[in-house]
């Protein structure tokens, strides 16, 4: 049977409910022991045949939408999976999913020791991927209050370019472009290595800096 706290009609094994404006529903686990161990909230998939990509548990965040009548809608959730169940080589995945324009998107994935932004299969410590036919972009933001050169963008484009740029007065200024095996510096005054740059430099030959 189901257990209801604050409701006479529980809809799950444990259903807590609160009405009115007196605050939010809270579930508290308190440990008063003066020792190091903490309490555990445990999701246990006790399967006789554990397999790759078994779903181990969800934490879901629901609310109503504007339909008539309003519908119970999940707006985001966290899901855990086992991606390798071999003894001694176990590996897990956490996916953070949110709603965007009515559909699920997966902006963040933790897989083993890797972090994926925009990808569910990161293949490095940090992998940043754009959507299909879109660039992968990292923005670095600082605020000095003047909106001048406070922001940097690192961009891997769909055309095979690697770009680093700054943001000034409302527009992106691409200062450095790496396309295939060529390097181009766009912004004045140009290139400076060990000194302040004095002029733009262009070359079509290879060179090495030691």
C-alpha atoms as a PDB file:
ATOM      1  CA  UNK A   1       0.000   0.000   0.000  1.00  0.00           C
ATOM      2  CA  UNK A   2       0.869   3.662  -0.281  1.00  0.00           C
ATOM      3  CA  UNK A   3       1.734   6.079   2.519  1.00  0.00           C
ATOM      4  CA  UNK A   4       0.442   9.652   2.444  1.00  0.00           C
ATOM      5  CA  UNK A   5       1.761  12.533   4.552  1.00  0.00           C
ATOM      6  CA  UNK A   6      -0.518  15.544   4.268  1.00  0.00           C
ATOM      7  CA  UNK A   7      -2.768  13.766   1.755  1.00  0.00           C
ATOM      8  CA  UNK A   8      -5.510  11.151   2.217  1.00  0.00           C
ATOM      9  CA  UNK A   9      -5.005   9.835  -1.334  1.00  0.00           C
ATOM     10  CA  UNK A  10      -1.324   9.002  -1.844  1.00  0.00           C
ATOM     11  CA  UNK A  11      -0.416   8.389  -5.503  1.00  0.00           C
ATOM     12  CA  UNK A  12       2.924   6.665  -4.821  1.00  0.00           C
ATOM     13  CA  UNK A  13       4.567   4.457  -2.201  1.00  0.00           C
ATOM     14  CA  UNK A  14       5.369   7.659  -0.292  1.00  0.00           C
ATOM     15  CA  UNK A  15       3.463  10.857  -1.133  1.00  0.00           C
ATOM     16  CA  UNK A  16       3.928  14.086   0.811  1.00  0.00           C
ATOM     17  CA  UNK A  17       1.702  17.087   0.160  1.00  0.00           C
ATOM     18  CA  UNK A  18       1.277  20.596   1.521  1.00  0.00           C
ATOM     19  CA  UNK A  19      -1.254  23.291   0.660  1.00  0.00           C
ATOM     20  CA  UNK A  20      -1.421  26.928   1.611  1.00  0.00           C
ATOM     21  CA  UNK A  21       1.337  29.530   1.822  1.00  0.00           C
ATOM     22  CA  UNK A  22       3.093  28.298   4.936  1.00  0.00           C
ATOM     23  CA  UNK A  23       6.291  27.237   3.132  1.00  0.00           C
ATOM     24  CA  UNK A  24       7.661  24.315   1.176  1.00  0.00           C
ATOM     25  CA  UNK A  25       7.550  20.600   1.881  1.00  0.00           C
ATOM     26  CA  UNK A  26      10.797  19.497   3.497  1.00  0.00           C
ATOM     27  CA  UNK A  27      12.273  16.066   4.033  1.00  0.00           C
ATOM     28  CA  UNK A  28      15.047  16.157   6.643  1.00  0.00           C
ATOM     29  CA  UNK A  29      17.605  13.490   7.514  1.00  0.00           C
ATOM     30  CA  UNK A  30      19.383  14.486  10.733  1.00  0.00           C
ATOM     31  CA  UNK A  31      22.521  12.917  12.162  1.00  0.00           C
ATOM     32  CA  UNK A  32      23.530  14.060  15.656  1.00  0.00           C
ATOM     33  CA  UNK A  33      26.511  11.727  16.065  1.00  0.00           C
ATOM     34  CA  UNK A  34      29.883  13.415  16.644  1.00  0.00           C
ATOM     35  CA  UNK A  35      31.732  11.319  14.065  1.00  0.00           C
ATOM     36  CA  UNK A  36      32.890  11.537  10.455  1.00  0.00           C
ATOM     37  CA  UNK A  37      30.322   9.435   8.517  1.00  0.00           C
ATOM     38  CA  UNK A  38      27.320  11.182   6.979  1.00  0.00           C
ATOM     39  CA  UNK A  39      23.872   9.949   6.032  1.00  0.00           C
ATOM     40  CA  UNK A  40      23.135   8.408   2.641  1.00  0.00           C
ATOM     41  CA  UNK A  41      20.231   8.685   0.216  1.00  0.00           C
ATOM     42  CA  UNK A  42      20.640   5.440  -1.727  1.00  0.00           C
ATOM     43  CA  UNK A  43      19.149   4.378  -5.071  1.00  0.00           C
ATOM     44  CA  UNK A  44      19.827   0.640  -5.442  1.00  0.00           C
ATOM     45  CA  UNK A  45      19.166  -1.184  -8.734  1.00  0.00           C
ATOM     46  CA  UNK A  46      19.110  -4.746  -7.379  1.00  0.00           C
ATOM     47  CA  UNK A  47      19.031  -6.621 -10.684  1.00  0.00           C
ATOM     48  CA  UNK A  48      19.830 -10.287 -11.208  1.00  0.00           C
ATOM     49  CA  UNK A  49      21.321  -9.400 -14.616  1.00  0.00           C
ATOM     50  CA  UNK A  50      23.063  -6.000 -14.417  1.00  0.00           C
ATOM     51  CA  UNK A  51      23.751  -4.560 -17.861  1.00  0.00           C
ATOM     52  CA  UNK A  52      25.380  -1.608 -19.573  1.00  0.00           C
ATOM     53  CA  UNK A  53      23.147   1.506 -19.580  1.00  0.00           C
ATOM     54  CA  UNK A  54      20.880   0.250 -16.811  1.00  0.00           C
ATOM     55  CA  UNK A  55      19.026   3.242 -15.354  1.00  0.00           C
ATOM     56  CA  UNK A  56      19.829   3.395 -11.646  1.00  0.00           C
ATOM     57  CA  UNK A  57      17.582   6.258 -10.615  1.00  0.00           C
ATOM     58  CA  UNK A  58      16.026   9.632 -11.408  1.00  0.00           C
ATOM     59  CA  UNK A  59      15.571  12.881  -9.550  1.00  0.00           C
ATOM     60  CA  UNK A  60      12.781  14.752 -11.370  1.00  0.00           C
ATOM     61  CA  UNK A  61      11.504  18.308 -10.981  1.00  0.00           C
ATOM     62  CA  UNK A  62       7.840  18.747 -11.960  1.00  0.00           C
ATOM     63  CA  UNK A  63       5.420  21.621 -12.320  1.00  0.00           C
ATOM     64  CA  UNK A  64       2.277  22.495 -14.262  1.00  0.00           C
ATOM     65  CA  UNK A  65       2.185  24.002 -17.750  1.00  0.00           C
ATOM     66  CA  UNK A  66      -0.314  26.459 -19.268  1.00  0.00           C
ATOM     67  CA  UNK A  67      -2.501  23.845 -21.005  1.00  0.00           C
ATOM     68  CA  UNK A  68      -6.220  23.773 -20.281  1.00  0.00           C
ATOM     69  CA  UNK A  69      -6.436  21.801 -18.094  1.00  0.00           C
ATOM     70  CA  UNK A  70      -2.864  22.253 -16.818  1.00  0.00           C
ATOM     71  CA  UNK A  71      -0.622  19.204 -17.231  1.00  0.00           C
ATOM     72  CA  UNK A  72       1.921  17.692 -14.873  1.00  0.00           C
ATOM     73  CA  UNK A  73       5.226  18.407 -16.668  1.00  0.00           C
ATOM     74  CA  UNK A  74       8.819  17.620 -15.725  1.00  0.00           C
ATOM     75  CA  UNK A  75      11.030  20.629 -16.397  1.00  0.00           C
ATOM     76  CA  UNK A  76      14.360  19.043 -15.528  1.00  0.00           C
ATOM     77  CA  UNK A  77      15.796  15.836 -14.133  1.00  0.00           C
ATOM     78  CA  UNK A  78      19.004  14.050 -13.209  1.00  0.00           C
ATOM     79  CA  UNK A  79      19.436  10.424 -14.254  1.00  0.00           C
ATOM     80  CA  UNK A  80      22.143   7.929 -13.263  1.00  0.00           C
ATOM     81  CA  UNK A  81      23.224   4.981 -15.424  1.00  0.00           C
ATOM     82  CA  UNK A  82      25.781   2.185 -15.249  1.00  0.00           C
ATOM     83  CA  UNK A  83      27.934   2.315 -18.399  1.00  0.00           C
ATOM     84  CA  UNK A  84      30.281  -0.550 -17.473  1.00  0.00           C
ATOM     85  CA  UNK A  85      29.265  -3.305 -15.048  1.00  0.00           C
ATOM     86  CA  UNK A  86      32.421  -5.438 -15.360  1.00  0.00           C
ATOM     87  CA  UNK A  87      33.892  -6.244 -11.955  1.00  0.00           C
ATOM     88  CA  UNK A  88      36.892  -4.013 -11.351  1.00  0.00           C
ATOM     89  CA  UNK A  89      36.092  -1.746 -14.326  1.00  0.00           C
ATOM     90  CA  UNK A  90      32.768  -0.271 -13.212  1.00  0.00           C
ATOM     91  CA  UNK A  91      31.842   3.082 -14.732  1.00  0.00           C
ATOM     92  CA  UNK A  92      28.866   5.390 -14.264  1.00  0.00           C
ATOM     93  CA  UNK A  93      27.125   8.278 -15.985  1.00  0.00           C
ATOM     94  CA  UNK A  94      25.114  11.221 -14.658  1.00  0.00           C
ATOM     95  CA  UNK A  95      23.010  13.210 -17.131  1.00  0.00           C
ATOM     96  CA  UNK A  96      21.461  16.602 -16.365  1.00  0.00           C
ATOM     97  CA  UNK A  97      18.419  17.151 -18.586  1.00  0.00           C
ATOM     98  CA  UNK A  98      16.308  20.304 -18.958  1.00  0.00           C
ATOM     99  CA  UNK A  99      13.370  21.401 -21.094  1.00  0.00           C
ATOM    100  CA  UNK A 100      13.981  23.824 -23.957  1.00  0.00           C
ATOM    101  CA  UNK A 101      11.179  24.845 -26.347  1.00  0.00           C
ATOM    102  CA  UNK A 102       9.139  21.877 -25.107  1.00  0.00           C
ATOM    103  CA  UNK A 103      11.810  19.238 -25.754  1.00  0.00           C
ATOM    104  CA  UNK A 104      14.450  17.564 -23.613  1.00  0.00           C
ATOM    105  CA  UNK A 105      18.017  18.818 -23.939  1.00  0.00           C
ATOM    106  CA  UNK A 106      21.065  17.307 -22.251  1.00  0.00           C
ATOM    107  CA  UNK A 107      23.471  20.191 -21.604  1.00  0.00           C
ATOM    108  CA  UNK A 108      25.676  18.401 -19.058  1.00  0.00           C
ATOM    109  CA  UNK A 109      26.923  14.813 -18.767  1.00  0.00           C
ATOM    110  CA  UNK A 110      29.407  13.290 -16.318  1.00  0.00           C
ATOM    111  CA  UNK A 111      30.830  10.033 -17.712  1.00  0.00           C
ATOM    112  CA  UNK A 112      33.489   8.254 -15.689  1.00  0.00           C
ATOM    113  CA  UNK A 113      36.190  10.895 -15.261  1.00  0.00           C
ATOM    114  CA  UNK A 114      35.001  13.073 -18.157  1.00  0.00           C
ATOM    115  CA  UNK A 115      32.658  16.047 -18.414  1.00  0.00           C
ATOM    116  CA  UNK A 116      30.545  16.662 -21.508  1.00  0.00           C
ATOM    117  CA  UNK A 117      28.832  19.960 -22.316  1.00  0.00           C
ATOM    118  CA  UNK A 118      26.482  19.556 -25.260  1.00  0.00           C
ATOM    119  CA  UNK A 119      27.437  15.891 -25.668  1.00  0.00           C
ATOM    120  CA  UNK A 120      26.458  12.686 -23.868  1.00  0.00           C
ATOM    121  CA  UNK A 121      29.727  10.941 -24.868  1.00  0.00           C
ATOM    122  CA  UNK A 122      32.675  13.097 -23.744  1.00  0.00           C
ATOM    123  CA  UNK A 123      36.020  11.668 -24.934  1.00  0.00           C
ATOM    124  CA  UNK A 124      38.334  13.966 -22.931  1.00  0.00           C
ATOM    125  CA  UNK A 125      38.445  15.456 -19.435  1.00  0.00           C
ATOM    126  CA  UNK A 126      36.225  18.226 -20.832  1.00  0.00           C
ATOM    127  CA  UNK A 127      34.405  18.006 -24.178  1.00  0.00           C
ATOM    128  CA  UNK A 128      32.330  20.945 -25.424  1.00  0.00           C
ATOM    129  CA  UNK A 129      30.117  20.288 -28.454  1.00  0.00           C
ATOM    130  CA  UNK A 130      27.719  22.510 -30.333  1.00  0.00           C
ATOM    131  CA  UNK A 131      24.391  21.266 -31.600  1.00  0.00           C
ATOM    132  CA  UNK A 132      24.347  19.626 -35.032  1.00  0.00           C
ATOM    133  CA  UNK A 133      25.538  22.137 -37.668  1.00  0.00           C
ATOM    134  CA  UNK A 134      26.484  24.573 -34.900  1.00  0.00           C
ATOM    135  CA  UNK A 135      29.720  25.720 -33.291  1.00  0.00           C
ATOM    136  CA  UNK A 136      31.026  24.609 -29.909  1.00  0.00           C
ATOM    137  CA  UNK A 137      31.513  27.776 -27.863  1.00  0.00           C
ATOM    138  CA  UNK A 138      33.009  28.628 -24.475  1.00  0.00           C
ATOM    139  CA  UNK A 139      32.412  32.136 -23.100  1.00  0.00           C
ATOM    140  CA  UNK A 140      34.656  33.527 -20.355  1.00  0.00           C
ATOM    141  CA  UNK A 141      33.022  36.487 -18.605  1.00  0.00           C
ATOM    142  CA  UNK A 142      34.402  39.176 -16.340  1.00  0.00           C
ATOM    143  CA  UNK A 143      32.822  42.498 -15.392  1.00  0.00           C
ATOM    144  CA  UNK A 144      34.873  45.584 -14.691  1.00  0.00           C
ATOM    145  CA  UNK A 145      31.851  47.815 -15.157  1.00  0.00           C
ATOM    146  CA  UNK A 146      32.982  49.393 -18.435  1.00  0.00           C
ATOM    147  CA  UNK A 147      31.933  46.659 -20.937  1.00  0.00           C
ATOM    148  CA  UNK A 148      35.293  46.898 -22.715  1.00  0.00           C
ATOM    149  CA  UNK A 149      37.311  43.731 -23.398  1.00  0.00           C
ATOM    150  CA  UNK A 150      35.711  42.062 -20.380  1.00  0.00           C
ATOM    151  CA  UNK A 151      34.665  38.936 -22.254  1.00  0.00           C
ATOM    152  CA  UNK A 152      36.501  36.236 -24.205  1.00  0.00           C
ATOM    153  CA  UNK A 153      35.069  33.595 -26.514  1.00  0.00           C
ATOM    154  CA  UNK A 154      36.680  30.320 -27.600  1.00  0.00           C
ATOM    155  CA  UNK A 155      34.922  28.877 -30.636  1.00  0.00           C
ATOM    156  CA  UNK A 156      35.351  25.667 -32.656  1.00  0.00           C
ATOM    157  CA  UNK A 157      33.354  26.263 -35.828  1.00  0.00           C
ATOM    158  CA  UNK A 158      31.660  23.879 -38.236  1.00  0.00           C
ATOM    159  CA  UNK A 159      34.149  24.925 -40.938  1.00  0.00           C
ATOM    160  CA  UNK A 160      37.125  23.486 -39.067  1.00  0.00           C
ATOM    161  CA  UNK A 161      38.254  26.801 -37.606  1.00  0.00           C
ATOM    162  CA  UNK A 162      39.463  27.488 -34.084  1.00  0.00           C
ATOM    163  CA  UNK A 163      38.785  31.046 -32.987  1.00  0.00           C
ATOM    164  CA  UNK A 164      39.528  33.151 -29.946  1.00  0.00           C
ATOM    165  CA  UNK A 165      37.903  36.546 -29.692  1.00  0.00           C
ATOM    166  CA  UNK A 166      37.078  39.401 -27.348  1.00  0.00           C
ATOM    167  CA  UNK A 167      33.803  41.221 -26.855  1.00  0.00           C
ATOM    168  CA  UNK A 168      33.795  44.999 -26.959  1.00  0.00           C
ATOM    169  CA  UNK A 169      30.940  47.523 -27.001  1.00  0.00           C
ATOM    170  CA  UNK A 170      28.257  45.055 -28.014  1.00  0.00           C
ATOM    171  CA  UNK A 171      30.026  42.958 -30.688  1.00  0.00           C
ATOM    172  CA  UNK A 172      32.476  40.062 -30.903  1.00  0.00           C
ATOM    173  CA  UNK A 173      35.957  40.933 -32.211  1.00  0.00           C
ATOM    174  CA  UNK A 174      37.755  37.814 -33.463  1.00  0.00           C
ATOM    175  CA  UNK A 175      41.428  38.364 -32.682  1.00  0.00           C
ATOM    176  CA  UNK A 176      42.897  34.975 -33.490  1.00  0.00           C
ATOM    177  CA  UNK A 177      41.855  32.453 -36.141  1.00  0.00           C
ATOM    178  CA  UNK A 178      43.367  29.019 -36.713  1.00  0.00           C
ATOM    179  CA  UNK A 179      42.071  27.496 -39.943  1.00  0.00           C
ATOM    180  CA  UNK A 180      43.526  24.134 -40.993  1.00  0.00           C
ATOM    181  CA  UNK A 181      47.303  24.770 -40.761  1.00  0.00           C
ATOM    182  CA  UNK A 182      47.201  28.544 -41.213  1.00  0.00           C
ATOM    183  CA  UNK A 183      47.311  31.187 -38.507  1.00  0.00           C
ATOM    184  CA  UNK A 184      45.801  34.620 -38.908  1.00  0.00           C
ATOM    185  CA  UNK A 185      45.841  37.539 -36.492  1.00  0.00           C
ATOM    186  CA  UNK A 186      43.164  40.067 -37.336  1.00  0.00           C
ATOM    187  CA  UNK A 187      43.237  42.855 -34.773  1.00  0.00           C
ATOM    188  CA  UNK A 188      45.590  45.853 -34.709  1.00  0.00           C
ATOM    189  CA  UNK A 189      48.382  46.369 -33.958  1.00  0.00           C
ATOM    190  CA  UNK A 190      49.336  42.764 -34.788  1.00  0.00           C
ATOM    191  CA  UNK A 191      51.687  40.148 -33.296  1.00  0.00           C
ATOM    192  CA  UNK A 192      54.087  40.636 -30.426  1.00  0.00           C
ATOM    193  CA  UNK A 193      56.254  37.831 -29.048  1.00  0.00           C
ATOM    194  CA  UNK A 194      58.082  38.948 -25.935  1.00  0.00           C
ATOM    195  CA  UNK A 195      57.423  42.615 -26.816  1.00  0.00           C
ATOM    196  CA  UNK A 196      54.426  44.832 -27.451  1.00  0.00           C
ATOM    197  CA  UNK A 197      53.138  44.314 -31.037  1.00  0.00           C
ATOM    198  CA  UNK A 198      54.150  47.069 -33.454  1.00  0.00           C
ATOM    199  CA  UNK A 199      52.634  45.939 -36.752  1.00  0.00           C
ATOM    200  CA  UNK A 200      50.628  43.197 -38.413  1.00  0.00           C
ATOM    201  CA  UNK A 201      52.649  40.225 -39.597  1.00  0.00           C
ATOM    202  CA  UNK A 202      51.761  37.994 -42.544  1.00  0.00           C
ATOM    203  CA  UNK A 203      53.619  34.903 -43.679  1.00  0.00           C
ATOM    204  CA  UNK A 204      53.086  31.888 -45.899  1.00  0.00           C
ATOM    205  CA  UNK A 205      56.022  29.856 -44.587  1.00  0.00           C
ATOM    206  CA  UNK A 206      56.351  27.755 -41.480  1.00  0.00           C
ATOM    207  CA  UNK A 207      58.306  29.018 -38.495  1.00  0.00           C
ATOM    208  CA  UNK A 208      59.210  27.752 -35.015  1.00  0.00           C
ATOM    209  CA  UNK A 209      59.483  29.775 -31.799  1.00  0.00           C
ATOM    210  CA  UNK A 210      61.820  28.381 -29.121  1.00  0.00           C
END
